């Protein structure tokens, strides 16, 4: 399944949004927007069909991403404290999700339970860095057109997004419904990615990103690279949740396979601005979050230290 996420950056107010749903697209993306966006480029959407990638297969560039040592030119992003401690993982939890049913109330209950699972998994890890995890709020109303939260009305037509200004994950039932028809694991992948953006907010990464982008001309290619790094990191954080919790409670191997299927086609479309990364790299960073080694048999565990595209010296991993 292929999905594209565009990014809109206006000053320092952030809206993290999902991809369009013209053809049952999936997953989310990061954009930054003010309440008024008419003078700025709008995010674009894409469509694609499901992939057949298995939960244990991902493509890889020739070298692993290098995340060792501080990045002196980027201390706020590449050397954020959570990215500097080797082996710092998250907690395994016995996640219990309610049964999925095709109605708004059941979908909202499922999303709320999934957020709690992410909270429980991430809270102790962040506490180890002196960070108190404030849970994201959720808006999961029946119609996306009815949303009018901290980031304003959802004029982009996206099926899901994260509003950094309000710390809110927005998952409207009507726009998410086509995605769930592929399987509830696809919807869970969308939510988990948006949760990754919330982690960027509570750790200060989002603020540093916004400040960096605001200092640049919007047409500067450096803006593209900053956005790709933000997106790829959110995928890696999401991968950590799956890598730590697959096989526990409701996070079955089947749900994780659907997440891999979803994310293996979630990159930029040809001809669009390079804000999100290639589909190969989306899959790579999501997979790296689950299992940070090119050797599938290596005994490794998910680690925030490994989710550092701000420090990746291999440019191929940032395409």
C-alpha atoms as a PDB file:
ATOM      1  CA  UNK A   1       0.000   0.000   0.000  1.00  0.00           C
ATOM      2  CA  UNK A   2       1.389   3.396  -0.898  1.00  0.00           C
ATOM      3  CA  UNK A   3       0.762   6.660   0.852  1.00  0.00           C
ATOM      4  CA  UNK A   4       2.228  10.117   0.637  1.00  0.00           C
ATOM      5  CA  UNK A   5       2.398  12.767   3.307  1.00  0.00           C
ATOM      6  CA  UNK A   6       3.086  16.380   2.476  1.00  0.00           C
ATOM      7  CA  UNK A   7       4.448  18.945   4.866  1.00  0.00           C
ATOM      8  CA  UNK A   8       3.381  22.522   5.262  1.00  0.00           C
ATOM      9  CA  UNK A   9       5.546  24.771   7.410  1.00  0.00           C
ATOM     10  CA  UNK A  10       4.402  28.177   8.579  1.00  0.00           C
ATOM     11  CA  UNK A  11       6.326  29.710  11.461  1.00  0.00           C
ATOM     12  CA  UNK A  12       6.214  27.374  14.468  1.00  0.00           C
ATOM     13  CA  UNK A  13       2.680  26.082  14.817  1.00  0.00           C
ATOM     14  CA  UNK A  14       2.562  22.420  13.911  1.00  0.00           C
ATOM     15  CA  UNK A  15      -0.073  20.211  12.338  1.00  0.00           C
ATOM     16  CA  UNK A  16       0.975  16.624  11.843  1.00  0.00           C
ATOM     17  CA  UNK A  17      -1.310  15.030   9.360  1.00  0.00           C
ATOM     18  CA  UNK A  18      -2.078  11.846   7.530  1.00  0.00           C
ATOM     19  CA  UNK A  19      -2.314  11.096   3.864  1.00  0.00           C
ATOM     20  CA  UNK A  20      -5.330  11.467   1.647  1.00  0.00           C
ATOM     21  CA  UNK A  21      -7.914   8.755   1.186  1.00  0.00           C
ATOM     22  CA  UNK A  22      -8.867   9.001  -2.444  1.00  0.00           C
ATOM     23  CA  UNK A  23      -8.028   5.318  -2.910  1.00  0.00           C
ATOM     24  CA  UNK A  24      -7.869   3.971   0.628  1.00  0.00           C
ATOM     25  CA  UNK A  25      -4.494   5.427   1.397  1.00  0.00           C
ATOM     26  CA  UNK A  26      -2.850   4.867   4.747  1.00  0.00           C
ATOM     27  CA  UNK A  27      -0.543   6.264   7.403  1.00  0.00           C
ATOM     28  CA  UNK A  28       0.286   9.766   8.572  1.00  0.00           C
ATOM     29  CA  UNK A  29       2.742  12.554   7.994  1.00  0.00           C
ATOM     30  CA  UNK A  30       4.116  15.658   9.584  1.00  0.00           C
ATOM     31  CA  UNK A  31       3.141  19.112   8.497  1.00  0.00           C
ATOM     32  CA  UNK A  32       3.368  22.409  10.252  1.00  0.00           C
ATOM     33  CA  UNK A  33       0.587  24.888   9.621  1.00  0.00           C
ATOM     34  CA  UNK A  34      -1.108  27.926  11.033  1.00  0.00           C
ATOM     35  CA  UNK A  35      -4.869  28.293  11.152  1.00  0.00           C
ATOM     36  CA  UNK A  36      -4.675  30.111   7.830  1.00  0.00           C
ATOM     37  CA  UNK A  37      -2.978  28.186   5.060  1.00  0.00           C
ATOM     38  CA  UNK A  38      -4.256  29.745   1.873  1.00  0.00           C
ATOM     39  CA  UNK A  39      -0.952  31.457   1.117  1.00  0.00           C
ATOM     40  CA  UNK A  40       1.125  28.308   1.577  1.00  0.00           C
ATOM     41  CA  UNK A  41       1.464  25.087  -0.396  1.00  0.00           C
ATOM     42  CA  UNK A  42      -1.039  22.517   0.782  1.00  0.00           C
ATOM     43  CA  UNK A  43      -0.195  18.896   1.533  1.00  0.00           C
ATOM     44  CA  UNK A  44      -0.789  16.451  -1.257  1.00  0.00           C
ATOM     45  CA  UNK A  45      -2.374  13.035  -1.137  1.00  0.00           C
ATOM     46  CA  UNK A  46      -1.798   9.738  -2.861  1.00  0.00           C
ATOM     47  CA  UNK A  47      -3.302   6.347  -3.387  1.00  0.00           C
ATOM     48  CA  UNK A  48      -2.025   2.827  -3.746  1.00  0.00           C
ATOM     49  CA  UNK A  49      -2.834  -0.816  -3.357  1.00  0.00           C
ATOM     50  CA  UNK A  50      -1.800  -3.166  -0.549  1.00  0.00           C
ATOM     51  CA  UNK A  51       1.686  -4.638  -0.633  1.00  0.00           C
ATOM     52  CA  UNK A  52       2.696  -8.160   0.177  1.00  0.00           C
ATOM     53  CA  UNK A  53       5.702  -7.401   2.356  1.00  0.00           C
ATOM     54  CA  UNK A  54       6.035  -9.797   5.262  1.00  0.00           C
ATOM     55  CA  UNK A  55       6.643  -8.716   8.816  1.00  0.00           C
ATOM     56  CA  UNK A  56      10.226 -10.001   8.690  1.00  0.00           C
ATOM     57  CA  UNK A  57      11.322  -8.561   5.356  1.00  0.00           C
ATOM     58  CA  UNK A  58      12.478  -5.066   4.535  1.00  0.00           C
ATOM     59  CA  UNK A  59      14.755  -3.590   1.950  1.00  0.00           C
ATOM     60  CA  UNK A  60      18.018  -2.070   3.098  1.00  0.00           C
ATOM     61  CA  UNK A  61      20.605   0.309   1.670  1.00  0.00           C
ATOM     62  CA  UNK A  62      24.210  -0.912   1.574  1.00  0.00           C
ATOM     63  CA  UNK A  63      25.154   0.411   5.010  1.00  0.00           C
ATOM     64  CA  UNK A  64      23.514   0.766   8.387  1.00  0.00           C
ATOM     65  CA  UNK A  65      22.675   4.264   9.626  1.00  0.00           C
ATOM     66  CA  UNK A  66      25.379   5.691  11.827  1.00  0.00           C
ATOM     67  CA  UNK A  67      24.007   7.161  15.037  1.00  0.00           C
ATOM     68  CA  UNK A  68      27.156   7.217  17.138  1.00  0.00           C
ATOM     69  CA  UNK A  69      28.329  10.403  18.800  1.00  0.00           C
ATOM     70  CA  UNK A  70      26.888  13.892  19.004  1.00  0.00           C
ATOM     71  CA  UNK A  71      26.139  15.954  15.928  1.00  0.00           C
ATOM     72  CA  UNK A  72      27.863  19.203  16.739  1.00  0.00           C
ATOM     73  CA  UNK A  73      26.060  21.117  14.005  1.00  0.00           C
ATOM     74  CA  UNK A  74      22.653  19.980  15.221  1.00  0.00           C
ATOM     75  CA  UNK A  75      22.717  19.778  19.031  1.00  0.00           C
ATOM     76  CA  UNK A  76      18.982  20.262  19.579  1.00  0.00           C
ATOM     77  CA  UNK A  77      17.945  17.489  17.210  1.00  0.00           C
ATOM     78  CA  UNK A  78      20.755  14.994  16.694  1.00  0.00           C
ATOM     79  CA  UNK A  79      21.889  15.266  20.291  1.00  0.00           C
ATOM     80  CA  UNK A  80      18.550  15.350  22.030  1.00  0.00           C
ATOM     81  CA  UNK A  81      19.056  13.526  25.361  1.00  0.00           C
ATOM     82  CA  UNK A  82      16.773  10.599  24.497  1.00  0.00           C
ATOM     83  CA  UNK A  83      18.979   9.824  21.493  1.00  0.00           C
ATOM     84  CA  UNK A  84      22.286   9.671  23.335  1.00  0.00           C
ATOM     85  CA  UNK A  85      21.965   6.622  25.598  1.00  0.00           C
ATOM     86  CA  UNK A  86      22.742   3.332  23.888  1.00  0.00           C
ATOM     87  CA  UNK A  87      20.284   0.561  24.656  1.00  0.00           C
ATOM     88  CA  UNK A  88      17.569   2.824  26.063  1.00  0.00           C
ATOM     89  CA  UNK A  89      14.412   0.980  25.099  1.00  0.00           C
ATOM     90  CA  UNK A  90      10.762   1.052  26.074  1.00  0.00           C
ATOM     91  CA  UNK A  91       8.634  -1.189  28.257  1.00  0.00           C
ATOM     92  CA  UNK A  92       6.858  -4.325  27.094  1.00  0.00           C
ATOM     93  CA  UNK A  93       3.174  -4.102  27.986  1.00  0.00           C
ATOM     94  CA  UNK A  94       0.251  -6.479  27.907  1.00  0.00           C
ATOM     95  CA  UNK A  95      -1.759  -4.375  25.481  1.00  0.00           C
ATOM     96  CA  UNK A  96      -5.454  -5.244  25.382  1.00  0.00           C
ATOM     97  CA  UNK A  97      -7.414  -3.711  22.537  1.00  0.00           C
ATOM     98  CA  UNK A  98     -11.204  -3.980  22.247  1.00  0.00           C
ATOM     99  CA  UNK A  99     -12.684  -5.854  19.339  1.00  0.00           C
ATOM    100  CA  UNK A 100     -12.964  -3.777  16.201  1.00  0.00           C
ATOM    101  CA  UNK A 101     -16.406  -2.926  14.897  1.00  0.00           C
ATOM    102  CA  UNK A 102     -17.285  -0.735  11.938  1.00  0.00           C
ATOM    103  CA  UNK A 103     -18.881   2.156  13.808  1.00  0.00           C
ATOM    104  CA  UNK A 104     -17.612   5.430  15.224  1.00  0.00           C
ATOM    105  CA  UNK A 105     -17.974   4.564  18.909  1.00  0.00           C
ATOM    106  CA  UNK A 106     -16.118   1.266  18.559  1.00  0.00           C
ATOM    107  CA  UNK A 107     -13.363   2.860  16.491  1.00  0.00           C
ATOM    108  CA  UNK A 108     -12.863   5.587  19.079  1.00  0.00           C
ATOM    109  CA  UNK A 109     -12.700   3.010  21.877  1.00  0.00           C
ATOM    110  CA  UNK A 110     -10.082   1.070  19.914  1.00  0.00           C
ATOM    111  CA  UNK A 111      -7.957   4.173  19.305  1.00  0.00           C
ATOM    112  CA  UNK A 112      -8.151   5.243  22.948  1.00  0.00           C
ATOM    113  CA  UNK A 113      -7.042   1.821  24.105  1.00  0.00           C
ATOM    114  CA  UNK A 114      -4.176   1.848  21.594  1.00  0.00           C
ATOM    115  CA  UNK A 115      -3.022   5.239  22.852  1.00  0.00           C
ATOM    116  CA  UNK A 116      -3.019   3.914  26.416  1.00  0.00           C
ATOM    117  CA  UNK A 117      -0.868   0.978  25.306  1.00  0.00           C
ATOM    118  CA  UNK A 118       1.616   3.393  23.756  1.00  0.00           C
ATOM    119  CA  UNK A 119       1.524   5.572  26.874  1.00  0.00           C
ATOM    120  CA  UNK A 120       2.260   2.601  29.134  1.00  0.00           C
ATOM    121  CA  UNK A 121       5.105   1.448  26.916  1.00  0.00           C
ATOM    122  CA  UNK A 122       6.785   4.832  26.571  1.00  0.00           C
ATOM    123  CA  UNK A 123       6.136   6.492  29.935  1.00  0.00           C
ATOM    124  CA  UNK A 124       8.822   4.670  31.990  1.00  0.00           C
ATOM    125  CA  UNK A 125      11.435   5.157  29.276  1.00  0.00           C
ATOM    126  CA  UNK A 126      10.891   8.904  29.112  1.00  0.00           C
ATOM    127  CA  UNK A 127      10.831   9.147  32.904  1.00  0.00           C
ATOM    128  CA  UNK A 128      14.370   7.787  32.815  1.00  0.00           C
ATOM    129  CA  UNK A 129      15.335  11.009  31.039  1.00  0.00           C
ATOM    130  CA  UNK A 130      13.380  13.211  33.428  1.00  0.00           C
ATOM    131  CA  UNK A 131      10.528  13.671  30.967  1.00  0.00           C
ATOM    132  CA  UNK A 132       6.929  13.380  32.154  1.00  0.00           C
ATOM    133  CA  UNK A 133       4.825  11.924  29.384  1.00  0.00           C
ATOM    134  CA  UNK A 134       1.656  13.921  28.932  1.00  0.00           C
ATOM    135  CA  UNK A 135      -0.711  11.712  26.991  1.00  0.00           C
ATOM    136  CA  UNK A 136      -2.026  12.999  23.669  1.00  0.00           C
ATOM    137  CA  UNK A 137      -5.679  13.798  23.413  1.00  0.00           C
ATOM    138  CA  UNK A 138      -7.798  12.143  20.747  1.00  0.00           C
ATOM    139  CA  UNK A 139     -10.461  13.429  18.416  1.00  0.00           C
ATOM    140  CA  UNK A 140     -12.237  10.562  16.651  1.00  0.00           C
ATOM    141  CA  UNK A 141     -15.565  12.024  15.650  1.00  0.00           C
ATOM    142  CA  UNK A 142     -17.823  10.703  12.948  1.00  0.00           C
ATOM    143  CA  UNK A 143     -16.908  13.292  10.298  1.00  0.00           C
ATOM    144  CA  UNK A 144     -13.529  14.841   9.654  1.00  0.00           C
ATOM    145  CA  UNK A 145     -15.265  17.960   8.404  1.00  0.00           C
ATOM    146  CA  UNK A 146     -16.581  18.523  11.937  1.00  0.00           C
ATOM    147  CA  UNK A 147     -13.115  18.817  13.473  1.00  0.00           C
ATOM    148  CA  UNK A 148     -12.204  22.315  14.604  1.00  0.00           C
ATOM    149  CA  UNK A 149      -9.474  21.911  17.198  1.00  0.00           C
ATOM    150  CA  UNK A 150      -6.331  23.787  18.154  1.00  0.00           C
ATOM    151  CA  UNK A 151      -4.997  23.613  14.605  1.00  0.00           C
ATOM    152  CA  UNK A 152      -8.251  24.835  13.130  1.00  0.00           C
ATOM    153  CA  UNK A 153     -10.564  23.049  10.746  1.00  0.00           C
ATOM    154  CA  UNK A 154      -9.162  20.121   8.794  1.00  0.00           C
ATOM    155  CA  UNK A 155      -9.150  21.864   5.437  1.00  0.00           C
ATOM    156  CA  UNK A 156      -6.504  19.540   3.989  1.00  0.00           C
ATOM    157  CA  UNK A 157      -8.868  16.609   3.559  1.00  0.00           C
ATOM    158  CA  UNK A 158      -6.480  14.263   5.347  1.00  0.00           C
ATOM    159  CA  UNK A 159      -7.726  11.072   6.914  1.00  0.00           C
ATOM    160  CA  UNK A 160      -5.692  11.436  10.121  1.00  0.00           C
ATOM    161  CA  UNK A 161      -3.215  13.894  11.566  1.00  0.00           C
ATOM    162  CA  UNK A 162      -1.437  15.055  14.677  1.00  0.00           C
ATOM    163  CA  UNK A 163      -1.927  18.622  15.865  1.00  0.00           C
ATOM    164  CA  UNK A 164       1.256  19.585  17.690  1.00  0.00           C
ATOM    165  CA  UNK A 165      -0.209  22.848  18.945  1.00  0.00           C
ATOM    166  CA  UNK A 166      -2.852  20.962  20.902  1.00  0.00           C
ATOM    167  CA  UNK A 167      -1.043  17.660  21.416  1.00  0.00           C
ATOM    168  CA  UNK A 168      -3.935  15.952  19.677  1.00  0.00           C
ATOM    169  CA  UNK A 169      -4.236  12.901  17.447  1.00  0.00           C
ATOM    170  CA  UNK A 170      -7.146  13.302  15.037  1.00  0.00           C
ATOM    171  CA  UNK A 171      -8.636  10.086  13.586  1.00  0.00           C
ATOM    172  CA  UNK A 172     -12.050  10.836  12.028  1.00  0.00           C
ATOM    173  CA  UNK A 173     -14.213   7.786  11.496  1.00  0.00           C
ATOM    174  CA  UNK A 174     -15.332   8.631   7.968  1.00  0.00           C
ATOM    175  CA  UNK A 175     -11.856   9.221   6.573  1.00  0.00           C
ATOM    176  CA  UNK A 176     -10.291   6.285   8.410  1.00  0.00           C
ATOM    177  CA  UNK A 177     -13.023   3.800   7.507  1.00  0.00           C
ATOM    178  CA  UNK A 178     -11.651   2.951   4.027  1.00  0.00           C
ATOM    179  CA  UNK A 179      -8.268   2.214   5.577  1.00  0.00           C
ATOM    180  CA  UNK A 180      -9.702  -0.192   8.132  1.00  0.00           C
ATOM    181  CA  UNK A 181     -11.225  -2.239   5.328  1.00  0.00           C
ATOM    182  CA  UNK A 182      -7.721  -3.521   4.633  1.00  0.00           C
ATOM    183  CA  UNK A 183      -7.492  -4.619   8.256  1.00  0.00           C
ATOM    184  CA  UNK A 184      -7.481  -2.931  11.632  1.00  0.00           C
ATOM    185  CA  UNK A 185      -3.687  -3.246  11.689  1.00  0.00           C
ATOM    186  CA  UNK A 186      -3.527  -0.577   8.999  1.00  0.00           C
ATOM    187  CA  UNK A 187      -5.416   1.865  11.203  1.00  0.00           C
ATOM    188  CA  UNK A 188      -3.231   0.978  14.169  1.00  0.00           C
ATOM    189  CA  UNK A 189      -0.163   1.765  12.043  1.00  0.00           C
ATOM    190  CA  UNK A 190      -1.581   5.220  11.303  1.00  0.00           C
ATOM    191  CA  UNK A 191      -2.211   5.918  14.981  1.00  0.00           C
ATOM    192  CA  UNK A 192       1.203   4.623  16.010  1.00  0.00           C
ATOM    193  CA  UNK A 193       2.935   6.933  13.535  1.00  0.00           C
ATOM    194  CA  UNK A 194       0.973   9.937  14.783  1.00  0.00           C
ATOM    195  CA  UNK A 195       1.933   8.923  18.310  1.00  0.00           C
ATOM    196  CA  UNK A 196       5.547   9.069  17.166  1.00  0.00           C
ATOM    197  CA  UNK A 197       5.021  12.743  16.393  1.00  0.00           C
ATOM    198  CA  UNK A 198       3.598  13.233  19.864  1.00  0.00           C
ATOM    199  CA  UNK A 199       6.793  11.792  21.290  1.00  0.00           C
ATOM    200  CA  UNK A 200       8.723  14.353  19.254  1.00  0.00           C
ATOM    201  CA  UNK A 201       6.588  17.054  20.846  1.00  0.00           C
ATOM    202  CA  UNK A 202       7.044  15.975  24.471  1.00  0.00           C
ATOM    203  CA  UNK A 203      10.800  15.460  24.080  1.00  0.00           C
ATOM    204  CA  UNK A 204      11.434  18.874  22.527  1.00  0.00           C
ATOM    205  CA  UNK A 205      12.314  17.515  19.105  1.00  0.00           C
ATOM    206  CA  UNK A 206       9.273  19.067  17.466  1.00  0.00           C
ATOM    207  CA  UNK A 207      10.006  22.511  18.884  1.00  0.00           C
ATOM    208  CA  UNK A 208      13.605  22.327  17.679  1.00  0.00           C
ATOM    209  CA  UNK A 209      12.438  21.170  14.258  1.00  0.00           C
ATOM    210  CA  UNK A 210       9.946  24.022  13.956  1.00  0.00           C
ATOM    211  CA  UNK A 211      12.540  26.593  14.966  1.00  0.00           C
ATOM    212  CA  UNK A 212      14.993  25.230  12.422  1.00  0.00           C
ATOM    213  CA  UNK A 213      12.450  25.292   9.608  1.00  0.00           C
ATOM    214  CA  UNK A 214      11.235  28.785  10.532  1.00  0.00           C
ATOM    215  CA  UNK A 215      14.773  30.095  10.081  1.00  0.00           C
ATOM    216  CA  UNK A 216      14.923  28.857   6.480  1.00  0.00           C
ATOM    217  CA  UNK A 217      13.331  29.910   3.254  1.00  0.00           C
ATOM    218  CA  UNK A 218      10.435  27.554   2.539  1.00  0.00           C
ATOM    219  CA  UNK A 219      11.886  26.689  -0.876  1.00  0.00           C
ATOM    220  CA  UNK A 220      15.257  25.732   0.597  1.00  0.00           C
ATOM    221  CA  UNK A 221      16.056  22.029  -0.020  1.00  0.00           C
ATOM    222  CA  UNK A 222      17.207  21.927   3.610  1.00  0.00           C
ATOM    223  CA  UNK A 223      13.522  22.147   4.567  1.00  0.00           C
ATOM    224  CA  UNK A 224      12.875  18.952   2.626  1.00  0.00           C
ATOM    225  CA  UNK A 225      15.633  17.112   4.453  1.00  0.00           C
ATOM    226  CA  UNK A 226      14.467  18.341   7.857  1.00  0.00           C
ATOM    227  CA  UNK A 227      10.955  17.118   7.125  1.00  0.00           C
ATOM    228  CA  UNK A 228      12.192  13.732   5.949  1.00  0.00           C
ATOM    229  CA  UNK A 229      14.210  13.303   9.120  1.00  0.00           C
ATOM    230  CA  UNK A 230      11.182  14.203  11.234  1.00  0.00           C
ATOM    231  CA  UNK A 231       8.978  11.712   9.424  1.00  0.00           C
ATOM    232  CA  UNK A 232      11.472   8.881   9.387  1.00  0.00           C
ATOM    233  CA  UNK A 233      12.089   9.285  13.092  1.00  0.00           C
ATOM    234  CA  UNK A 234       8.362   9.046  13.834  1.00  0.00           C
ATOM    235  CA  UNK A 235       8.295   5.793  11.856  1.00  0.00           C
ATOM    236  CA  UNK A 236      11.246   4.484  13.827  1.00  0.00           C
ATOM    237  CA  UNK A 237       9.572   5.342  17.154  1.00  0.00           C
ATOM    238  CA  UNK A 238       6.483   3.504  15.930  1.00  0.00           C
ATOM    239  CA  UNK A 239       8.641   0.537  15.006  1.00  0.00           C
ATOM    240  CA  UNK A 240      10.003   0.450  18.560  1.00  0.00           C
ATOM    241  CA  UNK A 241       6.490  -0.093  19.897  1.00  0.00           C
ATOM    242  CA  UNK A 242       5.916  -3.027  17.560  1.00  0.00           C
ATOM    243  CA  UNK A 243       9.388  -4.476  18.079  1.00  0.00           C
ATOM    244  CA  UNK A 244       8.915  -4.424  21.837  1.00  0.00           C
ATOM    245  CA  UNK A 245       5.315  -5.601  22.015  1.00  0.00           C
ATOM    246  CA  UNK A 246       4.571  -7.926  19.110  1.00  0.00           C
ATOM    247  CA  UNK A 247       3.313 -11.206  20.517  1.00  0.00           C
ATOM    248  CA  UNK A 248       2.044  -9.627  23.717  1.00  0.00           C
ATOM    249  CA  UNK A 249      -1.673  -9.181  24.346  1.00  0.00           C
ATOM    250  CA  UNK A 250      -3.496  -7.817  21.336  1.00  0.00           C
ATOM    251  CA  UNK A 251      -0.363  -6.850  19.367  1.00  0.00           C
ATOM    252  CA  UNK A 252      -0.313 -10.009  17.304  1.00  0.00           C
ATOM    253  CA  UNK A 253       2.085 -10.926  14.534  1.00  0.00           C
ATOM    254  CA  UNK A 254      -0.812 -10.370  12.134  1.00  0.00           C
ATOM    255  CA  UNK A 255      -1.274  -6.759  13.269  1.00  0.00           C
ATOM    256  CA  UNK A 256       2.449  -6.150  12.942  1.00  0.00           C
ATOM    257  CA  UNK A 257       2.478  -7.634   9.453  1.00  0.00           C
ATOM    258  CA  UNK A 258      -0.304  -5.254   8.463  1.00  0.00           C
ATOM    259  CA  UNK A 259       1.740  -2.358   9.847  1.00  0.00           C
ATOM    260  CA  UNK A 260       4.724  -3.481   7.779  1.00  0.00           C
ATOM    261  CA  UNK A 261       2.496  -3.805   4.725  1.00  0.00           C
ATOM    262  CA  UNK A 262       1.108  -0.330   5.310  1.00  0.00           C
ATOM    263  CA  UNK A 263       4.469   1.306   5.828  1.00  0.00           C
ATOM    264  CA  UNK A 264       6.338  -0.426   3.032  1.00  0.00           C
ATOM    265  CA  UNK A 265       4.607   1.837   0.517  1.00  0.00           C
ATOM    266  CA  UNK A 266       4.317   5.027   2.513  1.00  0.00           C
ATOM    267  CA  UNK A 267       6.937   7.202   0.852  1.00  0.00           C
ATOM    268  CA  UNK A 268       6.956  10.147  -1.517  1.00  0.00           C
ATOM    269  CA  UNK A 269       5.381   9.880  -4.925  1.00  0.00           C
ATOM    270  CA  UNK A 270       7.415  10.728  -8.034  1.00  0.00           C
ATOM    271  CA  UNK A 271       7.136  14.420  -8.840  1.00  0.00           C
ATOM    272  CA  UNK A 272       6.173  15.518  -5.347  1.00  0.00           C
ATOM    273  CA  UNK A 273       8.354  17.547  -3.037  1.00  0.00           C
ATOM    274  CA  UNK A 274      10.661  15.290  -1.041  1.00  0.00           C
ATOM    275  CA  UNK A 275       9.203  15.824   2.410  1.00  0.00           C
ATOM    276  CA  UNK A 276       8.730  12.231   3.568  1.00  0.00           C
ATOM    277  CA  UNK A 277      11.323   9.851   2.226  1.00  0.00           C
ATOM    278  CA  UNK A 278      11.250   6.982  -0.211  1.00  0.00           C
ATOM    279  CA  UNK A 279       8.994   4.050   0.529  1.00  0.00           C
ATOM    280  CA  UNK A 280      12.134   1.963   0.982  1.00  0.00           C
ATOM    281  CA  UNK A 281      13.392   4.282   3.690  1.00  0.00           C
ATOM    282  CA  UNK A 282      10.040   4.502   5.455  1.00  0.00           C
ATOM    283  CA  UNK A 283      10.108   0.697   5.619  1.00  0.00           C
ATOM    284  CA  UNK A 284      13.778   0.745   6.615  1.00  0.00           C
ATOM    285  CA  UNK A 285      13.328   3.105   9.557  1.00  0.00           C
ATOM    286  CA  UNK A 286      10.132   1.415  10.724  1.00  0.00           C
ATOM    287  CA  UNK A 287      11.946  -1.906  10.512  1.00  0.00           C
ATOM    288  CA  UNK A 288      15.050  -0.471  12.178  1.00  0.00           C
ATOM    289  CA  UNK A 289      12.895   0.649  15.073  1.00  0.00           C
ATOM    290  CA  UNK A 290      11.655  -2.918  15.479  1.00  0.00           C
ATOM    291  CA  UNK A 291      15.002  -4.654  15.030  1.00  0.00           C
ATOM    292  CA  UNK A 292      18.084  -2.402  14.723  1.00  0.00           C
ATOM    293  CA  UNK A 293      20.288  -4.781  12.777  1.00  0.00           C
ATOM    294  CA  UNK A 294      20.555  -5.941   9.184  1.00  0.00           C
ATOM    295  CA  UNK A 295      21.037  -9.451  10.549  1.00  0.00           C
ATOM    296  CA  UNK A 296      17.524 -10.830  11.249  1.00  0.00           C
ATOM    297  CA  UNK A 297      19.046 -13.314  13.680  1.00  0.00           C
ATOM    298  CA  UNK A 298      20.971 -10.752  15.702  1.00  0.00           C
ATOM    299  CA  UNK A 299      20.048 -10.456  19.365  1.00  0.00           C
ATOM    300  CA  UNK A 300      19.132  -6.793  19.510  1.00  0.00           C
ATOM    301  CA  UNK A 301      16.398  -4.772  21.183  1.00  0.00           C
ATOM    302  CA  UNK A 302      14.631  -1.567  20.098  1.00  0.00           C
ATOM    303  CA  UNK A 303      16.398   1.573  21.278  1.00  0.00           C
ATOM    304  CA  UNK A 304      15.760   5.302  21.045  1.00  0.00           C
ATOM    305  CA  UNK A 305      19.476   5.699  20.360  1.00  0.00           C
ATOM    306  CA  UNK A 306      18.952   3.955  17.033  1.00  0.00           C
ATOM    307  CA  UNK A 307      16.046   6.216  16.001  1.00  0.00           C
ATOM    308  CA  UNK A 308      18.219   9.188  15.125  1.00  0.00           C
ATOM    309  CA  UNK A 309      17.942  10.239  11.480  1.00  0.00           C
ATOM    310  CA  UNK A 310      19.303  13.634  12.593  1.00  0.00           C
ATOM    311  CA  UNK A 311      22.645  11.891  13.087  1.00  0.00           C
ATOM    312  CA  UNK A 312      22.561   9.412  10.191  1.00  0.00           C
ATOM    313  CA  UNK A 313      25.772   9.889   8.236  1.00  0.00           C
ATOM    314  CA  UNK A 314      24.609   7.654   5.381  1.00  0.00           C
ATOM    315  CA  UNK A 315      22.688   9.955   3.057  1.00  0.00           C
ATOM    316  CA  UNK A 316      21.032   6.951   1.424  1.00  0.00           C
ATOM    317  CA  UNK A 317      18.952   6.431   4.561  1.00  0.00           C
ATOM    318  CA  UNK A 318      17.577   9.963   4.305  1.00  0.00           C
ATOM    319  CA  UNK A 319      16.389   9.890   0.714  1.00  0.00           C
END
